[in-house]
Full PDB file with SEQRES, HELIX, SHEET, SSBOND, CRYST1, ORIGX, SCALE, CONECT and MASTER records, all heavy atoms in Angstrom:
SEQRES   1 A   42  PHE ILE PRO ALA SER TRP ILE MET MET ARG TRP LEU ARG          
SEQRES   2 A   42  HIS LEU PRO ASN LEU ALA LEU ASN VAL LEU SER VAL THR          
SEQRES   3 A   42  ILE SER PHE ASN LEU VAL THR TYR LEU LEU LEU ILE GLY          
SEQRES   4 A   42  ALA HIS GLY                                                  
HELIX    1 AA1 ILE A    2  TRP A   11  1                                  10    
HELIX    2 AA2 LEU A   18  GLY A   39  1                                  22    
CRYST1    1.000    1.000    1.000  90.00  90.00  90.00 P 1           1          
ORIGX1      1.000000  0.000000  0.000000        0.00000                         
ORIGX2      0.000000  1.000000  0.000000        0.00000                         
ORIGX3      0.000000  0.000000  1.000000        0.00000                         
SCALE1      1.000000  0.000000  0.000000        0.00000                         
SCALE2      0.000000  1.000000  0.000000        0.00000                         
SCALE3      0.000000  0.000000  1.000000        0.00000                         
ATOM      1  N   PHE A   1       2.910  -7.595 -15.804  1.00  0.00           N  
ATOM      2  CA  PHE A   1       4.308  -7.649 -15.568  1.00  0.00           C  
ATOM      3  C   PHE A   1       5.082  -7.166 -16.792  1.00  0.00           C  
ATOM      4  O   PHE A   1       6.180  -6.518 -16.459  1.00  0.00           O  
ATOM      5  CB  PHE A   1       4.781  -8.977 -15.075  1.00  0.00           C  
ATOM      6  CG  PHE A   1       4.251  -9.345 -13.794  1.00  0.00           C  
ATOM      7  CD1 PHE A   1       3.059  -9.941 -13.541  1.00  0.00           C  
ATOM      8  CD2 PHE A   1       4.990  -8.856 -12.680  1.00  0.00           C  
ATOM      9  CE1 PHE A   1       2.697 -10.152 -12.264  1.00  0.00           C  
ATOM     10  CE2 PHE A   1       4.553  -9.005 -11.368  1.00  0.00           C  
ATOM     11  CZ  PHE A   1       3.446  -9.766 -11.201  1.00  0.00           C  
ATOM     12  N   ILE A   2       4.784  -7.535 -18.097  1.00  0.00           N  
ATOM     13  CA  ILE A   2       5.554  -6.926 -19.157  1.00  0.00           C  
ATOM     14  C   ILE A   2       5.485  -5.398 -19.285  1.00  0.00           C  
ATOM     15  O   ILE A   2       6.581  -4.836 -19.316  1.00  0.00           O  
ATOM     16  CB  ILE A   2       5.160  -7.771 -20.487  1.00  0.00           C  
ATOM     17  CG1 ILE A   2       5.585  -9.208 -20.346  1.00  0.00           C  
ATOM     18  CG2 ILE A   2       5.968  -7.061 -21.722  1.00  0.00           C  
ATOM     19  CD1 ILE A   2       5.199 -10.000 -21.582  1.00  0.00           C  
ATOM     20  N   PRO A   3       4.346  -4.867 -19.309  1.00  0.00           N  
ATOM     21  CA  PRO A   3       4.259  -3.369 -19.383  1.00  0.00           C  
ATOM     22  C   PRO A   3       4.837  -2.734 -18.100  1.00  0.00           C  
ATOM     23  O   PRO A   3       5.527  -1.715 -18.410  1.00  0.00           O  
ATOM     24  CB  PRO A   3       2.681  -3.026 -19.484  1.00  0.00           C  
ATOM     25  CG  PRO A   3       2.211  -4.278 -19.876  1.00  0.00           C  
ATOM     26  CD  PRO A   3       2.969  -5.377 -19.494  1.00  0.00           C  
ATOM     27  N   ALA A   4       4.633  -3.285 -16.968  1.00  0.00           N  
ATOM     28  CA  ALA A   4       5.205  -2.666 -15.822  1.00  0.00           C  
ATOM     29  C   ALA A   4       6.758  -2.772 -15.821  1.00  0.00           C  
ATOM     30  O   ALA A   4       7.358  -1.734 -15.531  1.00  0.00           O  
ATOM     31  CB  ALA A   4       4.816  -3.343 -14.497  1.00  0.00           C  
ATOM     32  N   SER A   5       7.293  -3.849 -16.281  1.00  0.00           N  
ATOM     33  CA  SER A   5       8.773  -3.872 -16.405  1.00  0.00           C  
ATOM     34  C   SER A   5       9.353  -2.932 -17.519  1.00  0.00           C  
ATOM     35  O   SER A   5      10.340  -2.197 -17.221  1.00  0.00           O  
ATOM     36  CB  SER A   5       9.242  -5.235 -16.743  1.00  0.00           C  
ATOM     37  OG  SER A   5       8.765  -6.155 -15.844  1.00  0.00           O  
ATOM     38  N   TRP A   6       8.716  -2.805 -18.603  1.00  0.00           N  
ATOM     39  CA  TRP A   6       9.050  -1.923 -19.647  1.00  0.00           C  
ATOM     40  C   TRP A   6       8.931  -0.412 -19.054  1.00  0.00           C  
ATOM     41  O   TRP A   6       9.935   0.270 -19.404  1.00  0.00           O  
ATOM     42  CB  TRP A   6       8.132  -2.212 -20.956  1.00  0.00           C  
ATOM     43  CG  TRP A   6       8.515  -1.306 -21.932  1.00  0.00           C  
ATOM     44  CD1 TRP A   6       9.589  -1.343 -22.811  1.00  0.00           C  
ATOM     45  CD2 TRP A   6       7.769  -0.096 -22.465  1.00  0.00           C  
ATOM     46  NE1 TRP A   6       9.531  -0.361 -23.756  1.00  0.00           N  
ATOM     47  CE2 TRP A   6       8.444   0.395 -23.663  1.00  0.00           C  
ATOM     48  CE3 TRP A   6       6.537   0.367 -22.075  1.00  0.00           C  
ATOM     49  CZ2 TRP A   6       7.914   1.475 -24.292  1.00  0.00           C  
ATOM     50  CZ3 TRP A   6       5.968   1.524 -22.806  1.00  0.00           C  
ATOM     51  CH2 TRP A   6       6.806   2.054 -23.765  1.00  0.00           C  
ATOM     52  N   ILE A   7       7.876  -0.187 -18.480  1.00  0.00           N  
ATOM     53  CA  ILE A   7       7.754   1.249 -18.009  1.00  0.00           C  
ATOM     54  C   ILE A   7       8.775   1.647 -16.938  1.00  0.00           C  
ATOM     55  O   ILE A   7       9.398   2.700 -16.985  1.00  0.00           O  
ATOM     56  CB  ILE A   7       6.350   1.509 -17.401  1.00  0.00           C  
ATOM     57  CG1 ILE A   7       5.246   1.491 -18.586  1.00  0.00           C  
ATOM     58  CG2 ILE A   7       6.222   2.719 -16.705  1.00  0.00           C  
ATOM     59  CD1 ILE A   7       3.846   1.447 -18.084  1.00  0.00           C  
ATOM     60  N   MET A   8       9.089   0.582 -16.134  1.00  0.00           N  
ATOM     61  CA  MET A   8      10.076   0.862 -15.030  1.00  0.00           C  
ATOM     62  C   MET A   8      11.479   0.934 -15.718  1.00  0.00           C  
ATOM     63  O   MET A   8      12.314   1.880 -15.218  1.00  0.00           O  
ATOM     64  CB  MET A   8      10.003  -0.152 -13.934  1.00  0.00           C  
ATOM     65  CG  MET A   8       8.905  -0.021 -13.036  1.00  0.00           C  
ATOM     66  SD  MET A   8       8.942  -1.145 -11.632  1.00  0.00           S  
ATOM     67  CE  MET A   8       8.284  -2.666 -12.335  1.00  0.00           C  
ATOM     68  N   MET A   9      11.687   0.189 -16.633  1.00  0.00           N  
ATOM     69  CA  MET A   9      13.045   0.359 -17.493  1.00  0.00           C  
ATOM     70  C   MET A   9      13.324   1.747 -18.011  1.00  0.00           C  
ATOM     71  O   MET A   9      14.314   2.337 -18.001  1.00  0.00           O  
ATOM     72  CB  MET A   9      13.166  -0.670 -18.416  1.00  0.00           C  
ATOM     73  CG  MET A   9      13.389  -2.115 -18.006  1.00  0.00           C  
ATOM     74  SD  MET A   9      15.059  -2.279 -17.109  1.00  0.00           S  
ATOM     75  CE  MET A   9      16.129  -2.191 -18.413  1.00  0.00           C  
ATOM     76  N   ARG A  10      12.225   2.322 -18.521  1.00  0.00           N  
ATOM     77  CA  ARG A  10      12.271   3.653 -19.085  1.00  0.00           C  
ATOM     78  C   ARG A  10      12.318   4.709 -18.095  1.00  0.00           C  
ATOM     79  O   ARG A  10      12.908   5.790 -18.241  1.00  0.00           O  
ATOM     80  CB  ARG A  10      11.139   3.865 -20.106  1.00  0.00           C  
ATOM     81  CG  ARG A  10      11.189   2.946 -21.275  1.00  0.00           C  
ATOM     82  CD  ARG A  10      10.026   3.112 -22.270  1.00  0.00           C  
ATOM     83  NE  ARG A  10       9.936   4.481 -22.705  1.00  0.00           N  
ATOM     84  CZ  ARG A  10      10.428   4.879 -23.910  1.00  0.00           C  
ATOM     85  NH1 ARG A  10      11.008   4.007 -24.773  1.00  0.00           N  
ATOM     86  NH2 ARG A  10      10.159   6.074 -24.274  1.00  0.00           N  
ATOM     87  N   TRP A  11      11.597   4.470 -17.057  1.00  0.00           N  
ATOM     88  CA  TRP A  11      11.388   5.550 -15.939  1.00  0.00           C  
ATOM     89  C   TRP A  11      12.581   5.615 -15.029  1.00  0.00           C  
ATOM     90  O   TRP A  11      13.079   6.723 -14.590  1.00  0.00           O  
ATOM     91  CB  TRP A  11      10.043   5.210 -15.253  1.00  0.00           C  
ATOM     92  CG  TRP A  11       9.669   6.179 -14.088  1.00  0.00           C  
ATOM     93  CD1 TRP A  11      10.050   7.510 -14.053  1.00  0.00           C  
ATOM     94  CD2 TRP A  11       9.150   5.788 -12.887  1.00  0.00           C  
ATOM     95  NE1 TRP A  11       9.522   8.186 -12.929  1.00  0.00           N  
ATOM     96  CE2 TRP A  11       8.958   7.045 -12.108  1.00  0.00           C  
ATOM     97  CE3 TRP A  11       8.666   4.650 -12.249  1.00  0.00           C  
ATOM     98  CZ2 TRP A  11       8.379   7.139 -10.859  1.00  0.00           C  
ATOM     99  CZ3 TRP A  11       8.030   4.780 -11.181  1.00  0.00           C  
ATOM    100  CH2 TRP A  11       8.007   6.015 -10.413  1.00  0.00           C  
ATOM    101  N   LEU A  12      13.198   4.509 -14.717  1.00  0.00           N  
ATOM    102  CA  LEU A  12      14.254   4.465 -13.743  1.00  0.00           C  
ATOM    103  C   LEU A  12      15.665   4.238 -14.387  1.00  0.00           C  
ATOM    104  O   LEU A  12      16.565   3.809 -13.813  1.00  0.00           O  
ATOM    105  CB  LEU A  12      14.066   3.267 -12.761  1.00  0.00           C  
ATOM    106  CG  LEU A  12      12.843   3.128 -12.061  1.00  0.00           C  
ATOM    107  CD1 LEU A  12      12.512   1.964 -11.212  1.00  0.00           C  
ATOM    108  CD2 LEU A  12      12.776   4.461 -11.151  1.00  0.00           C  
ATOM    109  N   ARG A  13      15.776   4.710 -15.614  1.00  0.00           N  
ATOM    110  CA  ARG A  13      17.048   4.487 -16.454  1.00  0.00           C  
ATOM    111  C   ARG A  13      18.247   5.059 -15.694  1.00  0.00           C  
ATOM    112  O   ARG A  13      19.367   4.549 -15.887  1.00  0.00           O  
ATOM    113  CB  ARG A  13      16.864   5.068 -17.917  1.00  0.00           C  
ATOM    114  CG  ARG A  13      18.064   4.802 -18.746  1.00  0.00           C  
ATOM    115  CD  ARG A  13      17.771   4.663 -20.247  1.00  0.00           C  
ATOM    116  NE  ARG A  13      16.628   3.832 -20.560  1.00  0.00           N  
ATOM    117  CZ  ARG A  13      16.746   2.555 -20.907  1.00  0.00           C  
ATOM    118  NH1 ARG A  13      17.982   1.967 -20.695  1.00  0.00           N  
ATOM    119  NH2 ARG A  13      15.730   1.809 -21.290  1.00  0.00           N  
ATOM    120  N   HIS A  14      18.055   6.021 -14.947  1.00  0.00           N  
ATOM    121  CA  HIS A  14      19.279   6.754 -14.295  1.00  0.00           C  
ATOM    122  C   HIS A  14      19.746   5.980 -13.156  1.00  0.00           C  
ATOM    123  O   HIS A  14      20.850   6.179 -12.637  1.00  0.00           O  
ATOM    124  CB  HIS A  14      18.777   8.107 -13.837  1.00  0.00           C  
ATOM    125  CG  HIS A  14      17.849   8.099 -12.796  1.00  0.00           C  
ATOM    126  ND1 HIS A  14      16.398   7.899 -13.190  1.00  0.00           N  
ATOM    127  CD2 HIS A  14      17.823   8.250 -11.563  1.00  0.00           C  
ATOM    128  CE1 HIS A  14      15.699   7.930 -11.973  1.00  0.00           C  
ATOM    129  NE2 HIS A  14      16.457   8.101 -10.987  1.00  0.00           N  
ATOM    130  N   LEU A  15      19.075   4.901 -12.570  1.00  0.00           N  
ATOM    131  CA  LEU A  15      19.532   4.217 -11.412  1.00  0.00           C  
ATOM    132  C   LEU A  15      20.608   3.119 -11.725  1.00  0.00           C  
ATOM    133  O   LEU A  15      20.570   2.483 -12.862  1.00  0.00           O  
ATOM    134  CB  LEU A  15      18.322   3.550 -10.795  1.00  0.00           C  
ATOM    135  CG  LEU A  15      17.349   4.380 -10.162  1.00  0.00           C  
ATOM    136  CD1 LEU A  15      16.161   3.658  -9.581  1.00  0.00           C  
ATOM    137  CD2 LEU A  15      17.966   5.332  -9.026  1.00  0.00           C  
ATOM    138  N   PRO A  16      21.572   2.905 -10.820  1.00  0.00           N  
ATOM    139  CA  PRO A  16      22.483   1.773 -11.118  1.00  0.00           C  
ATOM    140  C   PRO A  16      21.775   0.447 -10.790  1.00  0.00           C  
ATOM    141  O   PRO A  16      20.662   0.480 -10.060  1.00  0.00           O  
ATOM    142  CB  PRO A  16      23.535   1.978 -10.155  1.00  0.00           C  
ATOM    143  CG  PRO A  16      23.028   2.907  -9.019  1.00  0.00           C  
ATOM    144  CD  PRO A  16      21.901   3.813  -9.779  1.00  0.00           C  
ATOM    145  N   ASN A  17      22.171  -0.719 -11.269  1.00  0.00           N  
ATOM    146  CA  ASN A  17      21.569  -1.999 -11.152  1.00  0.00           C  
ATOM    147  C   ASN A  17      20.169  -1.964 -11.514  1.00  0.00           C  
ATOM    148  O   ASN A  17      19.188  -2.380 -10.781  1.00  0.00           O  
ATOM    149  CB  ASN A  17      21.779  -2.398  -9.682  1.00  0.00           C  
ATOM    150  CG  ASN A  17      23.280  -2.564  -9.252  1.00  0.00           C  
ATOM    151  OD1 ASN A  17      24.054  -2.940 -10.079  1.00  0.00           O  
ATOM    152  ND2 ASN A  17      23.487  -2.118  -8.092  1.00  0.00           N  
ATOM    153  N   LEU A  18      19.851  -1.324 -12.636  1.00  0.00           N  
ATOM    154  CA  LEU A  18      18.551  -1.252 -13.091  1.00  0.00           C  
ATOM    155  C   LEU A  18      17.741  -2.543 -13.203  1.00  0.00           C  
ATOM    156  O   LEU A  18      16.614  -2.601 -12.725  1.00  0.00           O  
ATOM    157  CB  LEU A  18      18.491  -0.535 -14.461  1.00  0.00           C  
ATOM    158  CG  LEU A  18      17.141  -0.114 -15.060  1.00  0.00           C  
ATOM    159  CD1 LEU A  18      16.434   0.812 -14.210  1.00  0.00           C  
ATOM    160  CD2 LEU A  18      17.364   0.577 -16.467  1.00  0.00           C  
ATOM    161  N   ALA A  19      18.316  -3.528 -13.747  1.00  0.00           N  
ATOM    162  CA  ALA A  19      17.496  -4.814 -14.012  1.00  0.00           C  
ATOM    163  C   ALA A  19      17.194  -5.421 -12.572  1.00  0.00           C  
ATOM    164  O   ALA A  19      16.102  -5.934 -12.393  1.00  0.00           O  
ATOM    165  CB  ALA A  19      18.244  -5.838 -14.785  1.00  0.00           C  
ATOM    166  N   LEU A  20      18.065  -5.356 -11.759  1.00  0.00           N  
ATOM    167  CA  LEU A  20      17.924  -5.882 -10.211  1.00  0.00           C  
ATOM    168  C   LEU A  20      16.786  -5.061  -9.575  1.00  0.00           C  
ATOM    169  O   LEU A  20      15.972  -5.713  -8.910  1.00  0.00           O  
ATOM    170  CB  LEU A  20      19.095  -5.913  -9.476  1.00  0.00           C  
ATOM    171  CG  LEU A  20      20.218  -6.861  -9.960  1.00  0.00           C  
ATOM    172  CD1 LEU A  20      21.461  -6.756  -9.126  1.00  0.00           C  
ATOM    173  CD2 LEU A  20      19.619  -8.372  -9.891  1.00  0.00           C  
ATOM    174  N   ASN A  21      16.800  -3.675  -9.808  1.00  0.00           N  
ATOM    175  CA  ASN A  21      15.692  -3.067  -9.184  1.00  0.00           C  
ATOM    176  C   ASN A  21      14.398  -3.295  -9.776  1.00  0.00           C  
ATOM    177  O   ASN A  21      13.370  -3.490  -8.943  1.00  0.00           O  
ATOM    178  CB  ASN A  21      15.955  -1.539  -9.433  1.00  0.00           C  
ATOM    179  CG  ASN A  21      17.024  -0.902  -8.642  1.00  0.00           C  
ATOM    180  OD1 ASN A  21      17.251  -1.440  -7.479  1.00  0.00           O  
ATOM    181  ND2 ASN A  21      17.831   0.009  -9.035  1.00  0.00           N  
ATOM    182  N   VAL A  22      14.236  -3.502 -11.011  1.00  0.00           N  
ATOM    183  CA  VAL A  22      12.911  -3.926 -11.598  1.00  0.00           C  
ATOM    184  C   VAL A  22      12.521  -5.253 -11.174  1.00  0.00           C  
ATOM    185  O   VAL A  22      11.396  -5.584 -10.838  1.00  0.00           O  
ATOM    186  CB  VAL A  22      13.033  -3.838 -13.192  1.00  0.00           C  
ATOM    187  CG1 VAL A  22      11.790  -4.329 -13.758  1.00  0.00           C  
ATOM    188  CG2 VAL A  22      13.297  -2.286 -13.693  1.00  0.00           C  
ATOM    189  N   LEU A  23      13.440  -6.258 -11.114  1.00  0.00           N  
ATOM    190  CA  LEU A  23      13.190  -7.636 -10.633  1.00  0.00           C  
ATOM    191  C   LEU A  23      12.701  -7.569  -9.237  1.00  0.00           C  
ATOM    192  O   LEU A  23      11.782  -8.265  -8.756  1.00  0.00           O  
ATOM    193  CB  LEU A  23      14.402  -8.464 -10.811  1.00  0.00           C  
ATOM    194  CG  LEU A  23      14.644  -9.093 -12.127  1.00  0.00           C  
ATOM    195  CD1 LEU A  23      15.857  -9.791 -12.141  1.00  0.00           C  
ATOM    196  CD2 LEU A  23      13.471 -10.117 -12.514  1.00  0.00           C  
ATOM    197  N   SER A  24      13.313  -6.743  -8.400  1.00  0.00           N  
ATOM    198  CA  SER A  24      12.999  -6.706  -6.940  1.00  0.00           C  
ATOM    199  C   SER A  24      11.580  -6.124  -6.694  1.00  0.00           C  
ATOM    200  O   SER A  24      10.761  -6.633  -5.886  1.00  0.00           O  
ATOM    201  CB  SER A  24      13.944  -5.931  -6.130  1.00  0.00           C  
ATOM    202  OG  SER A  24      13.929  -4.549  -6.481  1.00  0.00           O  
ATOM    203  N   VAL A  25      11.201  -5.187  -7.636  1.00  0.00           N  
ATOM    204  CA  VAL A  25       9.829  -4.714  -7.509  1.00  0.00           C  
ATOM    205  C   VAL A  25       8.764  -5.708  -7.947  1.00  0.00           C  
ATOM    206  O   VAL A  25       7.829  -5.789  -7.199  1.00  0.00           O  
ATOM    207  CB  VAL A  25       9.691  -3.376  -8.348  1.00  0.00           C  
ATOM    208  CG1 VAL A  25       8.232  -2.978  -8.507  1.00  0.00           C  
ATOM    209  CG2 VAL A  25      10.509  -2.298  -7.742  1.00  0.00           C  
ATOM    210  N   THR A  26       9.048  -6.383  -9.038  1.00  0.00           N  
ATOM    211  CA  THR A  26       8.077  -7.337  -9.650  1.00  0.00           C  
ATOM    212  C   THR A  26       7.969  -8.526  -8.651  1.00  0.00           C  
ATOM    213  O   THR A  26       6.874  -8.964  -8.400  1.00  0.00           O  
ATOM    214  CB  THR A  26       8.333  -7.685 -10.940  1.00  0.00           C  
ATOM    215  OG1 THR A  26       9.585  -8.311 -11.078  1.00  0.00           O  
ATOM    216  CG2 THR A  26       8.251  -6.541 -11.942  1.00  0.00           C  
ATOM    217  N   ILE A  27       8.976  -9.122  -8.184  1.00  0.00           N  
ATOM    218  CA  ILE A  27       9.029 -10.212  -7.332  1.00  0.00           C  
ATOM    219  C   ILE A  27       8.358  -9.986  -5.959  1.00  0.00           C  
ATOM    220  O   ILE A  27       7.487 -10.724  -5.511  1.00  0.00           O  
ATOM    221  CB  ILE A  27      10.405 -10.797  -7.129  1.00  0.00           C  
ATOM    222  CG1 ILE A  27      11.056 -11.350  -8.563  1.00  0.00           C  
ATOM    223  CG2 ILE A  27      10.456 -11.946  -6.130  1.00  0.00           C  
ATOM    224  CD1 ILE A  27      10.269 -12.476  -9.137  1.00  0.00           C  
ATOM    225  N   SER A  28       8.660  -8.803  -5.470  1.00  0.00           N  
ATOM    226  CA  SER A  28       8.007  -8.361  -4.167  1.00  0.00           C  
ATOM    227  C   SER A  28       6.473  -8.167  -4.432  1.00  0.00           C  
ATOM    228  O   SER A  28       5.717  -8.276  -3.492  1.00  0.00           O  
ATOM    229  CB  SER A  28       8.735  -7.146  -3.650  1.00  0.00           C  
ATOM    230  OG  SER A  28       8.694  -5.959  -4.333  1.00  0.00           O  
ATOM    231  N   PHE A  29       6.167  -7.576  -5.579  1.00  0.00           N  
ATOM    232  CA  PHE A  29       4.725  -7.324  -5.750  1.00  0.00           C  
ATOM    233  C   PHE A  29       4.026  -8.664  -5.946  1.00  0.00           C  
ATOM    234  O   PHE A  29       2.939  -8.719  -5.211  1.00  0.00           O  
ATOM    235  CB  PHE A  29       4.362  -6.643  -7.118  1.00  0.00           C  
ATOM    236  CG  PHE A  29       3.041  -6.512  -7.588  1.00  0.00           C  
ATOM    237  CD1 PHE A  29       2.282  -5.547  -6.896  1.00  0.00           C  
ATOM    238  CD2 PHE A  29       2.631  -7.341  -8.498  1.00  0.00           C  
ATOM    239  CE1 PHE A  29       1.026  -5.517  -7.356  1.00  0.00           C  
ATOM    240  CE2 PHE A  29       1.323  -7.343  -8.900  1.00  0.00           C  
ATOM    241  CZ  PHE A  29       0.457  -6.433  -8.318  1.00  0.00           C  
ATOM    242  N   ASN A  30       4.498  -9.675  -6.449  1.00  0.00           N  
ATOM    243  CA  ASN A  30       3.997 -10.922  -6.554  1.00  0.00           C  
ATOM    244  C   ASN A  30       3.796 -11.614  -5.053  1.00  0.00           C  
ATOM    245  O   ASN A  30       2.809 -12.126  -4.813  1.00  0.00           O  
ATOM    246  CB  ASN A  30       4.669 -11.920  -7.503  1.00  0.00           C  
ATOM    247  CG  ASN A  30       3.895 -13.035  -7.941  1.00  0.00           C  
ATOM    248  OD1 ASN A  30       2.658 -12.879  -8.157  1.00  0.00           O  
ATOM    249  ND2 ASN A  30       4.563 -14.144  -8.097  1.00  0.00           N  
ATOM    250  N   LEU A  31       4.824 -11.451  -4.348  1.00  0.00           N  
ATOM    251  CA  LEU A  31       4.743 -11.899  -2.870  1.00  0.00           C  
ATOM    252  C   LEU A  31       3.694 -11.173  -2.158  1.00  0.00           C  
ATOM    253  O   LEU A  31       2.902 -11.722  -1.369  1.00  0.00           O  
ATOM    254  CB  LEU A  31       6.152 -11.720  -2.325  1.00  0.00           C  
ATOM    255  CG  LEU A  31       6.269 -12.168  -0.939  1.00  0.00           C  
ATOM    256  CD1 LEU A  31       6.050 -13.651  -0.769  1.00  0.00           C  
ATOM    257  CD2 LEU A  31       7.612 -11.634  -0.240  1.00  0.00           C  
ATOM    258  N   VAL A  32       3.651  -9.793  -2.268  1.00  0.00           N  
ATOM    259  CA  VAL A  32       2.581  -9.021  -1.726  1.00  0.00           C  
ATOM    260  C   VAL A  32       1.108  -9.588  -2.061  1.00  0.00           C  
ATOM    261  O   VAL A  32       0.318  -9.653  -1.224  1.00  0.00           O  
ATOM    262  CB  VAL A  32       2.824  -7.627  -1.887  1.00  0.00           C  
ATOM    263  CG1 VAL A  32       1.538  -6.807  -1.408  1.00  0.00           C  
ATOM    264  CG2 VAL A  32       3.987  -7.115  -1.075  1.00  0.00           C  
ATOM    265  N   THR A  33       0.919  -9.924  -3.323  1.00  0.00           N  
ATOM    266  CA  THR A  33      -0.368 -10.362  -3.708  1.00  0.00           C  
ATOM    267  C   THR A  33      -0.685 -11.809  -2.983  1.00  0.00           C  
ATOM    268  O   THR A  33      -1.887 -11.918  -2.698  1.00  0.00           O  
ATOM    269  CB  THR A  33      -0.498 -10.482  -5.282  1.00  0.00           C  
ATOM    270  OG1 THR A  33       0.580 -11.380  -5.634  1.00  0.00           O  
ATOM    271  CG2 THR A  33      -0.414  -9.110  -5.911  1.00  0.00           C  
ATOM    272  N   TYR A  34       0.337 -12.592  -2.824  1.00  0.00           N  
ATOM    273  CA  TYR A  34       0.017 -13.823  -2.130  1.00  0.00           C  
ATOM    274  C   TYR A  34      -0.279 -13.556  -0.624  1.00  0.00           C  
ATOM    275  O   TYR A  34      -1.111 -14.192  -0.017  1.00  0.00           O  
ATOM    276  CB  TYR A  34       1.153 -14.759  -2.248  1.00  0.00           C  
ATOM    277  CG  TYR A  34       1.074 -15.516  -3.552  1.00  0.00           C  
ATOM    278  CD1 TYR A  34       2.053 -15.367  -4.626  1.00  0.00           C  
ATOM    279  CD2 TYR A  34       0.041 -16.498  -3.834  1.00  0.00           C  
ATOM    280  CE1 TYR A  34       1.876 -16.066  -5.757  1.00  0.00           C  
ATOM    281  CE2 TYR A  34      -0.197 -17.167  -4.913  1.00  0.00           C  
ATOM    282  CZ  TYR A  34       0.881 -16.942  -6.006  1.00  0.00           C  
ATOM    283  OH  TYR A  34       0.759 -17.559  -7.158  1.00  0.00           O  
ATOM    284  N   LEU A  35       0.389 -12.597   0.011  1.00  0.00           N  
ATOM    285  CA  LEU A  35       0.263 -12.322   1.372  1.00  0.00           C  
ATOM    286  C   LEU A  35      -1.120 -11.608   1.575  1.00  0.00           C  
ATOM    287  O   LEU A  35      -1.848 -11.798   2.635  1.00  0.00           O  
ATOM    288  CB  LEU A  35       1.270 -11.286   1.911  1.00  0.00           C  
ATOM    289  CG  LEU A  35       2.631 -11.842   2.036  1.00  0.00           C  
ATOM    290  CD1 LEU A  35       3.674 -10.701   2.395  1.00  0.00           C  
ATOM    291  CD2 LEU A  35       2.679 -12.964   2.959  1.00  0.00           C  
ATOM    292  N   LEU A  36      -1.575 -10.778   0.641  1.00  0.00           N  
ATOM    293  CA  LEU A  36      -3.053 -10.265   0.647  1.00  0.00           C  
ATOM    294  C   LEU A  36      -4.050 -11.491   0.436  1.00  0.00           C  
ATOM    295  O   LEU A  36      -5.104 -11.366   1.197  1.00  0.00           O  
ATOM    296  CB  LEU A  36      -3.208  -9.331  -0.494  1.00  0.00           C  
ATOM    297  CG  LEU A  36      -2.432  -7.850  -0.357  1.00  0.00           C  
ATOM    298  CD1 LEU A  36      -2.756  -7.111  -1.460  1.00  0.00           C  
ATOM    299  CD2 LEU A  36      -2.965  -7.303   0.970  1.00  0.00           C  
ATOM    300  N   LEU A  37      -3.765 -12.409  -0.322  1.00  0.00           N  
ATOM    301  CA  LEU A  37      -4.588 -13.541  -0.445  1.00  0.00           C  
ATOM    302  C   LEU A  37      -4.665 -14.236   0.956  1.00  0.00           C  
ATOM    303  O   LEU A  37      -5.769 -14.728   1.276  1.00  0.00           O  
ATOM    304  CB  LEU A  37      -4.153 -14.515  -1.539  1.00  0.00           C  
ATOM    305  CG  LEU A  37      -4.933 -15.709  -1.816  1.00  0.00           C  
ATOM    306  CD1 LEU A  37      -6.347 -15.297  -2.387  1.00  0.00           C  
ATOM    307  CD2 LEU A  37      -4.302 -16.558  -2.771  1.00  0.00           C  
ATOM    308  N   ILE A  38      -3.580 -14.492   1.638  1.00  0.00           N  
ATOM    309  CA  ILE A  38      -3.647 -15.139   2.819  1.00  0.00           C  
ATOM    310  C   ILE A  38      -4.360 -14.312   3.886  1.00  0.00           C  
ATOM    311  O   ILE A  38      -5.259 -14.806   4.707  1.00  0.00           O  
ATOM    312  CB  ILE A  38      -2.166 -15.313   3.414  1.00  0.00           C  
ATOM    313  CG1 ILE A  38      -1.489 -16.389   2.507  1.00  0.00           C  
ATOM    314  CG2 ILE A  38      -2.148 -15.915   4.793  1.00  0.00           C  
ATOM    315  CD1 ILE A  38      -0.137 -16.599   2.828  1.00  0.00           C  
ATOM    316  N   GLY A  39      -4.320 -13.029   3.817  1.00  0.00           N  
ATOM    317  CA  GLY A  39      -4.896 -12.041   4.825  1.00  0.00           C  
ATOM    318  C   GLY A  39      -6.437 -12.011   4.515  1.00  0.00           C  
ATOM    319  O   GLY A  39      -7.153 -11.833   5.492  1.00  0.00           O  
ATOM    320  N   ALA A  40      -6.832 -12.223   3.303  1.00  0.00           N  
ATOM    321  CA  ALA A  40      -8.241 -12.246   3.067  1.00  0.00           C  
ATOM    322  C   ALA A  40      -8.920 -13.621   3.128  1.00  0.00           C  
ATOM    323  O   ALA A  40     -10.097 -13.889   2.816  1.00  0.00           O  
ATOM    324  CB  ALA A  40      -8.407 -11.751   1.455  1.00  0.00           C  
ATOM    325  N   HIS A  41      -8.115 -14.549   3.656  1.00  0.00           N  
ATOM    326  CA  HIS A  41      -8.581 -16.005   3.799  1.00  0.00           C  
ATOM    327  C   HIS A  41      -9.082 -16.639   2.606  1.00  0.00           C  
ATOM    328  O   HIS A  41      -9.948 -17.361   2.631  1.00  0.00           O  
ATOM    329  CB  HIS A  41      -9.673 -16.002   4.906  1.00  0.00           C  
ATOM    330  CG  HIS A  41      -9.241 -15.409   6.338  1.00  0.00           C  
ATOM    331  ND1 HIS A  41      -8.281 -16.010   7.058  1.00  0.00           N  
ATOM    332  CD2 HIS A  41      -9.550 -14.265   6.942  1.00  0.00           C  
ATOM    333  CE1 HIS A  41      -8.089 -15.353   8.139  1.00  0.00           C  
ATOM    334  NE2 HIS A  41      -8.735 -14.315   8.074  1.00  0.00           N  
ATOM    335  N   GLY A  42      -8.339 -16.238   1.510  1.00  0.00           N  
ATOM    336  CA  GLY A  42      -8.747 -16.730   0.182  1.00  0.00           C  
ATOM    337  C   GLY A  42      -8.092 -18.142   0.073  1.00  0.00           C  
ATOM    338  O   GLY A  42      -7.081 -18.614   0.849  1.00  0.00           O  
TER     339      GLY A  42                                                      
MASTER        0    0    0    2    0    0    0    6  338    1    0    4          
END                                                                             
């Protein structure tokens, strides 16, 4: 999460609401990993 946030901050610098965009990507990624865990019956 630290390198991904740093890379996205550098890569998406031109977008408005940059911090909210990065937060939405990381939080949704974490949610998707839990959904995959449920789907895999883990």
